[in-house]
Each structure stands twice: as structure tokens, then as C-alpha cells.
């Protein structure tokens, strides 16, 4: 019994030390937050392409749910898909890789092909390496110049706000492969 009590005491001591020691990320965030009132807003325009592979063996967009009406709906209403698309600097899928577009898209309009989107642009190279931008909103996919709001970000893009304009750069119906062009206008501190 004494051995069990000693082990429990040692475990609780380790747990309390772990929680008592400030995490580096929290310490850095606290420092950043304290300096927030003096921070000057910055702005950036990002331009990149998203490689949207739906029909390939290595598809990056997958259906995860559908409503009973989806199969008879002309707009695939109720279809829910997740994506993990490649972000590139140029339209060619073999151009410089900038990161991933990851998120959830839902066909959400009875009348028009439109998506409710929640997408995170996760940058893993270049000047924004380790940062993310989050967009969400309605995307009428057959329209030109589709605008969605930037609602936040991490890393360099903490407290980001702005908007994105997207267009379908190209689409191959045989391979079910699209290239989407994004221009993102963002302010952050």
C-alpha cells in the first residue's frame, strides 16, 4: 500500500509540475497580446492556385455525407465533402508547393450550384510558413469572381480579416480535376 501511495504521489507531482511550467507557446502568445495595442496593422495580397482533384485515384476531395435528396437534386443539395487540396504558386500542379487548402464544403442551395465553405489555407513554405488563413461563406461555384470573407488566421496572420476572390482557372471534366485561382486581400497585426 505504501508503494502505491508513493507512486500516486509521484504521478500527481509530475502532473502538477507539467501544469505549473508555462508552455512556450502560451508565453509567446501572452507577450504578443500585451504588445497588441501598439501593433501597426499590416496588409498583404496573396495570389495562389488550389489543385482540386475529385476524380483521380489520389483524390483530394471526398464525400463524407449526403441527404436523402442529394441524388435527385440538380445542385447536389445536402452533399458534404472534406478536402485537403494542394496550394501552388502557379496553375501547374507541379509548380512550387505553398501549402494545403483543408476544410469542409457543403452543397447548400436548392436553386443554384453553391457551396457553404469553411476552408483553412495552411502555408508550409515561403514567407508565411507555419501560418494559416481561414475563409468561410457562400461560394456560387459557376459565377466568376466569387468573394468570400477571411475571418481569421494564425502565425503571421493572427487576427486576420479581409476577403478572397476565387475563380475557376481550369477544369477537366474527364479527370474531374479543377484548378482554382485565389487572390486574398488581408490585414493582420
N, C-alpha and C. Protein backbone atom coordinates (compact mmCIF):
# COMPACT_ATOMS: atom_id res chain seq x y z
N UNK A 1 0.82 -1.19 0.00
CA UNK A 1 0.00 0.00 0.00
C UNK A 1 0.87 1.26 0.00
N UNK A 2 1.97 1.22 0.77
CA UNK A 2 2.87 2.38 0.81
C UNK A 2 3.47 2.63 -0.56
N UNK A 3 3.79 1.54 -1.26
CA UNK A 3 4.37 1.67 -2.60
C UNK A 3 3.37 2.33 -3.55
N UNK A 4 2.09 1.93 -3.48
CA UNK A 4 1.05 2.51 -4.30
C UNK A 4 0.87 3.99 -3.99
N UNK A 5 0.87 4.34 -2.70
CA UNK A 5 0.75 5.74 -2.30
C UNK A 5 1.93 6.56 -2.81
N UNK A 6 3.13 6.01 -2.76
CA UNK A 6 4.32 6.71 -3.24
C UNK A 6 4.24 6.94 -4.74
N UNK A 7 3.76 5.92 -5.48
CA UNK A 7 3.62 6.05 -6.93
C UNK A 7 2.58 7.11 -7.27
N UNK A 8 1.44 7.08 -6.58
CA UNK A 8 0.40 8.08 -6.82
C UNK A 8 0.88 9.49 -6.50
N UNK A 9 1.64 9.64 -5.39
CA UNK A 9 2.18 10.94 -5.03
C UNK A 9 3.15 11.43 -6.11
N UNK A 10 4.02 10.56 -6.60
CA UNK A 10 5.00 10.91 -7.62
C UNK A 10 4.28 11.33 -8.91
N UNK A 11 3.24 10.56 -9.30
CA UNK A 11 2.48 10.89 -10.52
C UNK A 11 1.80 12.25 -10.38
N UNK A 12 1.17 12.51 -9.25
CA UNK A 12 0.50 13.80 -9.07
C UNK A 12 1.50 14.94 -9.04
N UNK A 13 2.69 14.70 -8.50
CA UNK A 13 3.74 15.72 -8.50
C UNK A 13 4.16 16.04 -9.93
N UNK A 14 4.35 15.01 -10.76
CA UNK A 14 4.72 15.23 -12.16
C UNK A 14 3.64 16.01 -12.90
N UNK A 15 2.39 15.65 -12.66
CA UNK A 15 1.28 16.35 -13.32
C UNK A 15 1.25 17.81 -12.90
N UNK A 16 1.43 18.09 -11.62
CA UNK A 16 1.38 19.48 -11.16
C UNK A 16 2.56 20.27 -11.70
N UNK A 17 3.73 19.68 -11.82
CA UNK A 17 4.88 20.37 -12.39
C UNK A 17 4.62 20.69 -13.86
N UNK A 18 4.02 19.74 -14.59
CA UNK A 18 3.72 19.95 -16.00
C UNK A 18 2.78 21.14 -16.18
N UNK A 19 1.74 21.23 -15.34
CA UNK A 19 0.80 22.33 -15.46
C UNK A 19 1.34 23.63 -14.89
N UNK A 20 2.28 23.58 -13.98
CA UNK A 20 2.83 24.79 -13.37
C UNK A 20 3.85 25.45 -14.28
N UNK A 21 4.49 24.70 -15.17
CA UNK A 21 5.50 25.23 -16.06
C UNK A 21 4.81 25.85 -17.27
N UNK A 22 5.02 27.16 -17.52
CA UNK A 22 4.34 27.78 -18.66
C UNK A 22 4.81 27.18 -19.98
N UNK A 23 3.89 26.92 -20.83
CA UNK A 23 4.17 26.42 -22.16
C UNK A 23 4.78 27.56 -22.98
N UNK A 24 5.80 27.27 -23.80
CA UNK A 24 6.45 28.31 -24.61
C UNK A 24 5.47 29.04 -25.50
N UNK A 25 4.54 28.30 -26.10
CA UNK A 25 3.56 28.93 -27.00
C UNK A 25 2.67 29.90 -26.23
N UNK A 26 2.28 29.53 -25.03
CA UNK A 26 1.44 30.42 -24.22
C UNK A 26 2.22 31.65 -23.82
N UNK A 27 3.46 31.47 -23.42
CA UNK A 27 4.30 32.60 -23.04
C UNK A 27 4.47 33.57 -24.21
N UNK A 28 4.73 33.04 -25.40
CA UNK A 28 4.90 33.87 -26.59
C UNK A 28 3.59 34.58 -26.92
N UNK A 29 2.46 33.87 -26.80
CA UNK A 29 1.16 34.47 -27.09
C UNK A 29 0.83 35.60 -26.12
N UNK A 30 1.16 35.40 -24.85
CA UNK A 30 0.94 36.45 -23.84
C UNK A 30 1.75 37.70 -24.18
N UNK A 31 3.01 37.51 -24.56
CA UNK A 31 3.87 38.64 -24.94
C UNK A 31 3.29 39.37 -26.15
N UNK A 32 2.87 38.61 -27.16
CA UNK A 32 2.28 39.19 -28.36
C UNK A 32 1.02 39.99 -27.99
N UNK A 33 0.19 39.41 -27.14
CA UNK A 33 -1.07 40.05 -26.75
C UNK A 33 -0.83 41.36 -25.99
N UNK A 34 0.18 41.38 -25.11
CA UNK A 34 0.49 42.59 -24.35
C UNK A 34 0.92 43.73 -25.27
N UNK A 35 1.56 43.40 -26.39
CA UNK A 35 2.04 44.42 -27.33
C UNK A 35 1.02 44.75 -28.41
N UNK A 36 -0.15 44.12 -28.36
CA UNK A 36 -1.16 44.28 -29.40
C UNK A 36 -1.63 45.73 -29.56
N UNK A 37 -1.79 46.44 -28.47
CA UNK A 37 -2.30 47.81 -28.57
C UNK A 37 -1.34 48.74 -29.32
N UNK A 38 -0.04 48.42 -29.34
CA UNK A 38 0.93 49.24 -30.08
C UNK A 38 1.21 48.72 -31.49
N UNK A 39 0.63 47.56 -31.83
CA UNK A 39 0.91 46.94 -33.13
C UNK A 39 0.29 47.74 -34.27
N UNK A 40 1.05 47.91 -35.33
CA UNK A 40 0.55 48.57 -36.52
C UNK A 40 -0.02 47.50 -37.45
N UNK A 41 -1.23 47.74 -37.96
CA UNK A 41 -1.81 46.77 -38.90
C UNK A 41 -0.93 46.63 -40.15
N UNK A 42 -0.85 45.41 -40.64
CA UNK A 42 -0.12 45.12 -41.87
C UNK A 42 -1.14 44.62 -42.89
N UNK A 43 -0.80 44.72 -44.14
CA UNK A 43 -1.67 44.21 -45.20
C UNK A 43 -0.85 43.35 -46.14
N UNK A 44 -1.53 42.41 -46.77
CA UNK A 44 -0.86 41.55 -47.75
C UNK A 44 -1.87 41.15 -48.82
N UNK A 45 -1.35 40.98 -50.02
CA UNK A 45 -2.13 40.39 -51.11
C UNK A 45 -1.43 39.09 -51.48
N UNK A 46 -2.15 38.01 -51.38
CA UNK A 46 -1.62 36.70 -51.74
C UNK A 46 -2.30 36.23 -53.01
N UNK A 47 -1.55 35.59 -53.87
CA UNK A 47 -2.10 35.05 -55.10
C UNK A 47 -1.56 33.63 -55.25
N UNK A 48 -2.48 32.67 -55.39
CA UNK A 48 -2.05 31.27 -55.49
C UNK A 48 -3.14 30.45 -56.17
N UNK A 49 -2.84 29.18 -56.39
CA UNK A 49 -3.75 28.26 -57.06
C UNK A 49 -4.00 27.06 -56.16
N UNK A 50 -5.23 26.55 -56.22
CA UNK A 50 -5.60 25.36 -55.46
C UNK A 50 -5.90 24.25 -56.45
N UNK A 51 -5.23 23.11 -56.26
CA UNK A 51 -5.38 21.94 -57.12
C UNK A 51 -6.47 21.05 -56.55
N UNK A 52 -7.61 20.96 -57.22
CA UNK A 52 -8.81 20.29 -56.72
C UNK A 52 -9.03 18.98 -57.48
N UNK A 53 -8.59 17.87 -56.88
CA UNK A 53 -8.66 16.55 -57.54
C UNK A 53 -9.82 15.74 -56.97
N UNK A 54 -10.89 15.61 -57.77
CA UNK A 54 -12.06 14.86 -57.29
C UNK A 54 -12.15 13.46 -57.90
N UNK A 55 -11.67 13.27 -59.11
CA UNK A 55 -11.92 12.00 -59.77
C UNK A 55 -10.72 11.09 -59.90
N UNK A 56 -9.59 11.49 -59.41
CA UNK A 56 -8.39 10.68 -59.56
C UNK A 56 -8.29 9.61 -58.49
N UNK A 57 -7.39 8.68 -58.72
CA UNK A 57 -7.09 7.67 -57.71
C UNK A 57 -6.60 8.35 -56.44
N UNK A 58 -5.84 9.43 -56.61
CA UNK A 58 -5.33 10.20 -55.46
C UNK A 58 -6.18 11.44 -55.22
N UNK A 59 -7.48 11.27 -55.19
CA UNK A 59 -8.40 12.40 -54.99
C UNK A 59 -8.09 13.12 -53.69
N UNK A 60 -8.31 14.44 -53.70
CA UNK A 60 -8.10 15.26 -52.50
C UNK A 60 -9.41 15.82 -51.97
N UNK A 61 -10.52 15.45 -52.60
CA UNK A 61 -11.85 15.85 -52.16
C UNK A 61 -12.69 14.58 -52.03
N UNK A 62 -13.30 14.40 -50.84
CA UNK A 62 -14.07 13.17 -50.59
C UNK A 62 -15.42 13.49 -49.97
N UNK A 63 -16.44 12.81 -50.48
CA UNK A 63 -17.77 12.93 -49.89
C UNK A 63 -17.79 12.17 -48.57
N UNK A 64 -18.35 12.82 -47.54
CA UNK A 64 -18.45 12.18 -46.23
C UNK A 64 -19.90 12.03 -45.77
N UNK A 65 -20.83 12.74 -46.42
CA UNK A 65 -22.24 12.62 -46.06
C UNK A 65 -23.10 13.16 -47.20
N UNK A 66 -24.37 12.73 -47.18
CA UNK A 66 -25.33 13.25 -48.15
C UNK A 66 -26.72 13.11 -47.59
N UNK A 67 -27.60 13.99 -48.05
CA UNK A 67 -29.01 13.95 -47.63
C UNK A 67 -29.76 12.99 -48.55
N UNK A 68 -30.96 12.63 -48.16
CA UNK A 68 -31.79 11.76 -49.00
C UNK A 68 -32.08 12.40 -50.35
N UNK A 69 -32.13 13.71 -50.41
CA UNK A 69 -32.46 14.43 -51.64
C UNK A 69 -31.26 14.60 -52.59
N UNK A 70 -30.04 14.41 -52.10
CA UNK A 70 -28.83 14.73 -52.88
C UNK A 70 -28.82 14.08 -54.25
N UNK A 71 -29.16 12.82 -54.35
CA UNK A 71 -29.04 12.11 -55.63
C UNK A 71 -30.05 12.59 -56.68
N UNK A 72 -31.13 13.22 -56.28
CA UNK A 72 -32.11 13.73 -57.26
C UNK A 72 -32.07 15.25 -57.40
N UNK A 73 -31.22 15.90 -56.61
CA UNK A 73 -31.13 17.36 -56.65
C UNK A 73 -30.22 17.81 -57.80
N UNK A 74 -30.66 18.77 -58.63
CA UNK A 74 -29.80 19.26 -59.71
C UNK A 74 -28.57 20.01 -59.19
N UNK A 75 -28.60 20.41 -57.91
CA UNK A 75 -27.47 21.15 -57.33
C UNK A 75 -26.72 20.30 -56.30
N UNK A 76 -27.00 19.01 -56.23
CA UNK A 76 -26.44 18.08 -55.23
C UNK A 76 -26.65 18.59 -53.80
N UNK A 77 -27.80 19.22 -53.57
CA UNK A 77 -28.11 19.77 -52.26
C UNK A 77 -27.92 18.70 -51.17
N UNK A 78 -27.25 19.09 -50.11
CA UNK A 78 -27.04 18.19 -48.97
C UNK A 78 -25.77 17.37 -49.02
N UNK A 79 -25.00 17.47 -50.09
CA UNK A 79 -23.74 16.73 -50.16
C UNK A 79 -22.69 17.45 -49.31
N UNK A 80 -21.98 16.69 -48.49
CA UNK A 80 -20.93 17.24 -47.63
C UNK A 80 -19.61 16.57 -48.02
N UNK A 81 -18.60 17.40 -48.27
CA UNK A 81 -17.29 16.87 -48.66
C UNK A 81 -16.20 17.52 -47.81
N UNK A 82 -15.13 16.78 -47.62
CA UNK A 82 -13.93 17.31 -46.98
C UNK A 82 -12.84 17.36 -48.03
N UNK A 83 -11.91 18.29 -47.85
CA UNK A 83 -10.84 18.41 -48.84
C UNK A 83 -9.51 18.68 -48.17
N UNK A 84 -8.49 18.27 -48.87
CA UNK A 84 -7.09 18.51 -48.49
C UNK A 84 -6.33 18.74 -49.78
N UNK A 85 -6.54 19.92 -50.39
CA UNK A 85 -6.00 20.24 -51.71
C UNK A 85 -4.63 20.92 -51.61
N UNK A 86 -3.83 20.69 -52.62
CA UNK A 86 -2.52 21.32 -52.73
C UNK A 86 -2.67 22.78 -53.14
N UNK A 87 -1.90 23.67 -52.50
CA UNK A 87 -1.80 25.08 -52.90
C UNK A 87 -0.48 25.24 -53.63
N UNK A 88 -0.53 25.83 -54.83
CA UNK A 88 0.69 26.04 -55.62
C UNK A 88 0.83 27.50 -56.03
N UNK A 89 2.05 27.87 -56.38
CA UNK A 89 2.34 29.25 -56.79
C UNK A 89 1.82 29.55 -58.19
N UNK A 90 1.78 28.55 -59.05
CA UNK A 90 1.34 28.71 -60.44
C UNK A 90 0.21 27.70 -60.71
N UNK A 91 -0.47 27.81 -61.85
CA UNK A 91 -1.56 26.88 -62.13
C UNK A 91 -1.13 25.42 -62.30
N UNK A 92 0.09 25.20 -62.74
CA UNK A 92 0.59 23.84 -62.94
C UNK A 92 0.74 23.13 -61.60
N UNK A 93 0.19 21.93 -61.50
CA UNK A 93 0.23 21.19 -60.23
C UNK A 93 1.64 20.84 -59.79
N UNK A 94 2.60 20.92 -60.69
CA UNK A 94 4.00 20.63 -60.33
C UNK A 94 4.80 21.89 -60.00
N UNK A 95 4.13 23.04 -59.96
CA UNK A 95 4.84 24.27 -59.61
C UNK A 95 5.13 24.29 -58.10
N UNK A 96 5.77 25.35 -57.64
CA UNK A 96 6.17 25.46 -56.24
C UNK A 96 4.97 25.22 -55.31
N UNK A 97 5.18 24.33 -54.36
CA UNK A 97 4.13 23.99 -53.39
C UNK A 97 4.18 24.96 -52.22
N UNK A 98 3.04 25.61 -51.93
CA UNK A 98 2.97 26.61 -50.87
C UNK A 98 2.30 26.09 -49.61
N UNK A 99 1.44 25.08 -49.75
CA UNK A 99 0.72 24.57 -48.59
C UNK A 99 -0.47 23.74 -49.00
N UNK A 100 -1.49 23.73 -48.12
CA UNK A 100 -2.69 22.93 -48.34
C UNK A 100 -3.94 23.78 -48.07
N UNK A 101 -5.00 23.49 -48.81
CA UNK A 101 -6.32 24.05 -48.54
C UNK A 101 -7.13 22.92 -47.94
N UNK A 102 -7.47 23.06 -46.68
CA UNK A 102 -8.14 21.98 -45.96
C UNK A 102 -9.45 22.49 -45.37
N UNK A 103 -10.50 21.67 -45.47
CA UNK A 103 -11.75 22.12 -44.89
C UNK A 103 -12.93 21.29 -45.28
N UNK A 104 -14.08 21.94 -45.18
CA UNK A 104 -15.37 21.30 -45.35
C UNK A 104 -16.20 22.13 -46.32
N UNK A 105 -16.83 21.47 -47.29
CA UNK A 105 -17.71 22.15 -48.23
C UNK A 105 -19.04 21.40 -48.30
N UNK A 106 -20.12 22.16 -48.36
CA UNK A 106 -21.45 21.57 -48.37
C UNK A 106 -22.29 22.22 -49.47
N UNK A 107 -22.91 21.39 -50.30
CA UNK A 107 -23.85 21.92 -51.30
C UNK A 107 -25.08 22.39 -50.56
N UNK A 108 -25.36 23.69 -50.66
CA UNK A 108 -26.33 24.28 -49.73
C UNK A 108 -27.39 25.16 -50.39
N UNK A 109 -27.64 24.97 -51.67
CA UNK A 109 -28.63 25.80 -52.36
C UNK A 109 -29.48 24.91 -53.25
N UNK A 110 -30.80 25.03 -53.14
CA UNK A 110 -31.72 24.25 -53.97
C UNK A 110 -31.73 24.72 -55.42
N UNK A 111 -31.50 26.03 -55.63
CA UNK A 111 -31.69 26.64 -56.93
C UNK A 111 -30.41 26.75 -57.78
N UNK A 112 -29.27 26.91 -57.14
CA UNK A 112 -28.02 27.23 -57.84
C UNK A 112 -26.90 26.37 -57.25
N UNK A 113 -25.90 26.04 -58.07
CA UNK A 113 -24.75 25.29 -57.55
C UNK A 113 -23.94 26.23 -56.66
N UNK A 114 -24.12 26.09 -55.36
CA UNK A 114 -23.42 26.95 -54.40
C UNK A 114 -23.01 26.12 -53.20
N UNK A 115 -21.86 26.47 -52.67
CA UNK A 115 -21.31 25.76 -51.52
C UNK A 115 -21.26 26.65 -50.30
N UNK A 116 -21.50 26.07 -49.15
CA UNK A 116 -21.15 26.71 -47.88
C UNK A 116 -19.76 26.17 -47.57
N UNK A 117 -18.78 27.07 -47.42
CA UNK A 117 -17.39 26.65 -47.30
C UNK A 117 -16.78 27.09 -45.97
N UNK A 118 -15.92 26.23 -45.45
CA UNK A 118 -15.07 26.54 -44.31
C UNK A 118 -13.70 25.98 -44.67
N UNK A 119 -12.81 26.84 -45.14
CA UNK A 119 -11.52 26.40 -45.68
C UNK A 119 -10.39 27.08 -44.91
N UNK A 120 -9.38 26.29 -44.57
CA UNK A 120 -8.16 26.81 -43.97
C UNK A 120 -7.03 26.68 -44.97
N UNK A 121 -6.40 27.80 -45.29
CA UNK A 121 -5.20 27.78 -46.11
C UNK A 121 -4.03 27.61 -45.15
N UNK A 122 -3.37 26.47 -45.23
CA UNK A 122 -2.27 26.11 -44.33
C UNK A 122 -0.97 26.26 -45.12
N UNK A 123 -0.19 27.29 -44.79
CA UNK A 123 1.04 27.56 -45.53
C UNK A 123 2.21 26.83 -44.86
N UNK A 124 2.95 26.06 -45.66
CA UNK A 124 4.08 25.32 -45.10
C UNK A 124 5.38 25.55 -45.84
N UNK A 125 5.45 26.69 -46.53
CA UNK A 125 6.71 27.11 -47.14
C UNK A 125 6.66 28.61 -47.40
N UNK A 126 7.80 29.18 -47.69
CA UNK A 126 7.86 30.59 -48.03
C UNK A 126 7.70 31.52 -46.84
N UNK A 127 7.39 32.73 -47.14
CA UNK A 127 7.32 33.80 -46.14
C UNK A 127 6.22 33.57 -45.08
N UNK A 128 5.19 32.83 -45.42
CA UNK A 128 4.09 32.60 -44.48
C UNK A 128 4.11 31.18 -43.88
N UNK A 129 5.24 30.51 -43.98
CA UNK A 129 5.40 29.15 -43.45
C UNK A 129 4.94 29.08 -41.98
N UNK A 130 4.08 28.11 -41.70
CA UNK A 130 3.58 27.92 -40.34
C UNK A 130 2.35 28.74 -40.00
N UNK A 131 1.84 29.51 -40.96
CA UNK A 131 0.67 30.36 -40.73
C UNK A 131 -0.54 29.80 -41.46
N UNK A 132 -1.72 30.22 -41.02
CA UNK A 132 -2.95 29.81 -41.68
C UNK A 132 -3.86 31.02 -41.89
N UNK A 133 -4.74 30.91 -42.87
CA UNK A 133 -5.84 31.85 -43.08
C UNK A 133 -7.11 31.04 -43.18
N UNK A 134 -8.19 31.54 -42.60
CA UNK A 134 -9.47 30.84 -42.63
C UNK A 134 -10.48 31.68 -43.39
N UNK A 135 -11.12 31.05 -44.39
CA UNK A 135 -12.21 31.70 -45.11
C UNK A 135 -13.46 30.87 -44.90
N UNK A 136 -14.58 31.55 -44.91
CA UNK A 136 -15.84 30.82 -44.89
C UNK A 136 -16.91 31.66 -45.52
N UNK A 137 -17.95 31.00 -45.99
CA UNK A 137 -19.05 31.72 -46.60
C UNK A 137 -19.64 30.96 -47.76
N UNK A 138 -20.45 31.67 -48.54
CA UNK A 138 -21.15 31.09 -49.68
C UNK A 138 -20.33 31.26 -50.94
N UNK A 139 -20.19 30.19 -51.70
CA UNK A 139 -19.43 30.19 -52.94
C UNK A 139 -20.33 29.69 -54.07
N UNK A 140 -20.81 30.62 -54.90
CA UNK A 140 -21.62 30.26 -56.07
C UNK A 140 -20.65 29.81 -57.16
N UNK A 141 -20.41 28.51 -57.25
CA UNK A 141 -19.27 27.98 -57.99
C UNK A 141 -19.30 28.21 -59.50
N UNK A 142 -20.45 28.54 -60.08
CA UNK A 142 -20.49 28.81 -61.52
C UNK A 142 -20.29 30.29 -61.83
N UNK A 143 -20.22 31.12 -60.82
CA UNK A 143 -20.02 32.56 -61.01
C UNK A 143 -18.54 32.88 -61.16
N UNK A 144 -18.27 33.99 -61.81
CA UNK A 144 -16.90 34.50 -61.89
C UNK A 144 -16.68 35.43 -60.70
N UNK A 145 -15.45 35.52 -60.23
CA UNK A 145 -15.09 36.42 -59.13
C UNK A 145 -15.94 36.18 -57.88
N UNK A 146 -15.80 35.00 -57.32
CA UNK A 146 -16.54 34.63 -56.11
C UNK A 146 -15.82 35.18 -54.88
N UNK A 147 -16.52 35.98 -54.10
CA UNK A 147 -15.92 36.64 -52.93
C UNK A 147 -16.33 35.93 -51.65
N UNK A 148 -15.34 35.62 -50.83
CA UNK A 148 -15.58 35.03 -49.51
C UNK A 148 -14.77 35.79 -48.48
N UNK A 149 -15.28 35.92 -47.26
CA UNK A 149 -14.54 36.66 -46.24
C UNK A 149 -13.41 35.85 -45.62
N UNK A 150 -12.32 36.55 -45.30
CA UNK A 150 -11.27 35.99 -44.45
C UNK A 150 -11.68 36.33 -43.03
N UNK A 151 -11.83 35.32 -42.18
CA UNK A 151 -12.36 35.55 -40.83
C UNK A 151 -11.34 35.35 -39.73
N UNK A 152 -10.13 34.95 -40.07
CA UNK A 152 -9.11 34.78 -39.04
C UNK A 152 -7.87 34.13 -39.60
N UNK A 153 -6.92 33.92 -38.69
CA UNK A 153 -5.68 33.28 -39.09
C UNK A 153 -4.82 33.00 -37.88
N UNK A 154 -3.69 32.35 -38.14
CA UNK A 154 -2.73 32.04 -37.09
C UNK A 154 -1.33 32.40 -37.58
N UNK A 155 -0.37 32.34 -36.67
CA UNK A 155 1.01 32.66 -37.03
C UNK A 155 1.13 34.11 -37.44
N UNK A 156 1.73 34.37 -38.58
CA UNK A 156 1.86 35.73 -39.11
C UNK A 156 0.50 36.40 -39.22
N UNK A 157 -0.53 35.62 -39.51
CA UNK A 157 -1.86 36.17 -39.78
C UNK A 157 -2.79 36.20 -38.57
N UNK A 158 -2.24 36.33 -37.36
CA UNK A 158 -3.11 36.45 -36.20
C UNK A 158 -4.05 37.64 -36.38
N UNK A 159 -5.28 37.45 -36.00
CA UNK A 159 -6.33 38.47 -36.08
C UNK A 159 -6.56 38.96 -37.50
N UNK A 160 -6.39 38.07 -38.47
CA UNK A 160 -6.59 38.43 -39.87
C UNK A 160 -8.05 38.71 -40.18
N UNK A 161 -8.22 39.61 -41.11
CA UNK A 161 -9.55 39.87 -41.66
C UNK A 161 -9.33 40.37 -43.09
N UNK A 162 -10.32 40.13 -43.91
CA UNK A 162 -10.19 40.54 -45.29
C UNK A 162 -11.16 39.77 -46.17
N UNK A 163 -10.75 39.53 -47.41
CA UNK A 163 -11.61 38.80 -48.32
C UNK A 163 -10.76 38.11 -49.38
N UNK A 164 -11.36 37.12 -50.01
CA UNK A 164 -10.70 36.42 -51.11
C UNK A 164 -11.61 36.48 -52.33
N UNK A 165 -10.98 36.50 -53.49
CA UNK A 165 -11.70 36.40 -54.76
C UNK A 165 -11.19 35.12 -55.41
N UNK A 166 -12.11 34.22 -55.75
CA UNK A 166 -11.69 32.98 -56.39
C UNK A 166 -12.38 32.83 -57.74
N UNK A 167 -11.70 32.13 -58.62
CA UNK A 167 -12.20 31.81 -59.95
C UNK A 167 -11.77 30.40 -60.31
N UNK A 168 -12.53 29.79 -61.18
CA UNK A 168 -12.10 28.50 -61.73
C UNK A 168 -11.14 28.81 -62.87
N UNK A 169 -9.87 28.49 -62.67
CA UNK A 169 -8.85 28.74 -63.68
C UNK A 169 -9.00 27.74 -64.83
N UNK A 170 -9.18 26.46 -64.47
CA UNK A 170 -9.39 25.43 -65.48
C UNK A 170 -10.12 24.25 -64.84
N UNK A 171 -10.78 23.47 -65.71
CA UNK A 171 -11.48 22.28 -65.23
C UNK A 171 -11.45 21.22 -66.31
N UNK A 172 -11.03 20.01 -65.96
CA UNK A 172 -11.00 18.88 -66.86
C UNK A 172 -12.12 17.92 -66.45
N UNK A 173 -13.26 17.89 -67.20
CA UNK A 173 -14.38 17.05 -66.79
C UNK A 173 -14.08 15.55 -66.89
N UNK A 174 -13.16 15.15 -67.74
CA UNK A 174 -12.83 13.73 -67.87
C UNK A 174 -12.10 13.24 -66.62
N UNK A 175 -11.13 14.02 -66.16
CA UNK A 175 -10.40 13.63 -64.95
C UNK A 175 -11.06 14.17 -63.69
N UNK A 176 -12.07 15.02 -63.85
CA UNK A 176 -12.73 15.69 -62.72
C UNK A 176 -11.68 16.40 -61.87
N UNK A 177 -10.87 17.22 -62.55
CA UNK A 177 -9.76 17.92 -61.92
C UNK A 177 -9.87 19.40 -62.22
N UNK A 178 -9.90 20.21 -61.16
CA UNK A 178 -10.00 21.65 -61.34
C UNK A 178 -8.83 22.38 -60.73
N UNK A 179 -8.54 23.54 -61.28
CA UNK A 179 -7.54 24.44 -60.72
C UNK A 179 -8.28 25.73 -60.39
N UNK A 180 -8.22 26.12 -59.13
CA UNK A 180 -8.91 27.31 -58.66
C UNK A 180 -7.87 28.40 -58.39
N UNK A 181 -8.16 29.60 -58.84
CA UNK A 181 -7.26 30.74 -58.64
C UNK A 181 -7.79 31.59 -57.49
N UNK A 182 -6.92 31.93 -56.56
CA UNK A 182 -7.30 32.75 -55.40
C UNK A 182 -6.43 34.00 -55.34
N UNK A 183 -7.09 35.13 -55.11
CA UNK A 183 -6.42 36.37 -54.72
C UNK A 183 -7.00 36.70 -53.35
N UNK A 184 -6.12 36.83 -52.36
CA UNK A 184 -6.55 37.06 -50.98
C UNK A 184 -6.00 38.41 -50.52
N UNK A 185 -6.90 39.25 -50.03
CA UNK A 185 -6.54 40.58 -49.53
C UNK A 185 -6.79 40.55 -48.02
N UNK A 186 -5.72 40.74 -47.26
CA UNK A 186 -5.84 40.51 -45.82
C UNK A 186 -5.11 41.58 -45.02
N UNK A 187 -5.69 41.98 -43.90
CA UNK A 187 -4.98 42.81 -42.93
C UNK A 187 -4.83 42.00 -41.66
N UNK A 188 -3.76 42.24 -40.94
CA UNK A 188 -3.45 41.49 -39.72
C UNK A 188 -2.50 42.31 -38.88
N UNK A 189 -2.29 41.89 -37.62
CA UNK A 189 -1.36 42.63 -36.74
C UNK A 189 -0.23 41.73 -36.29
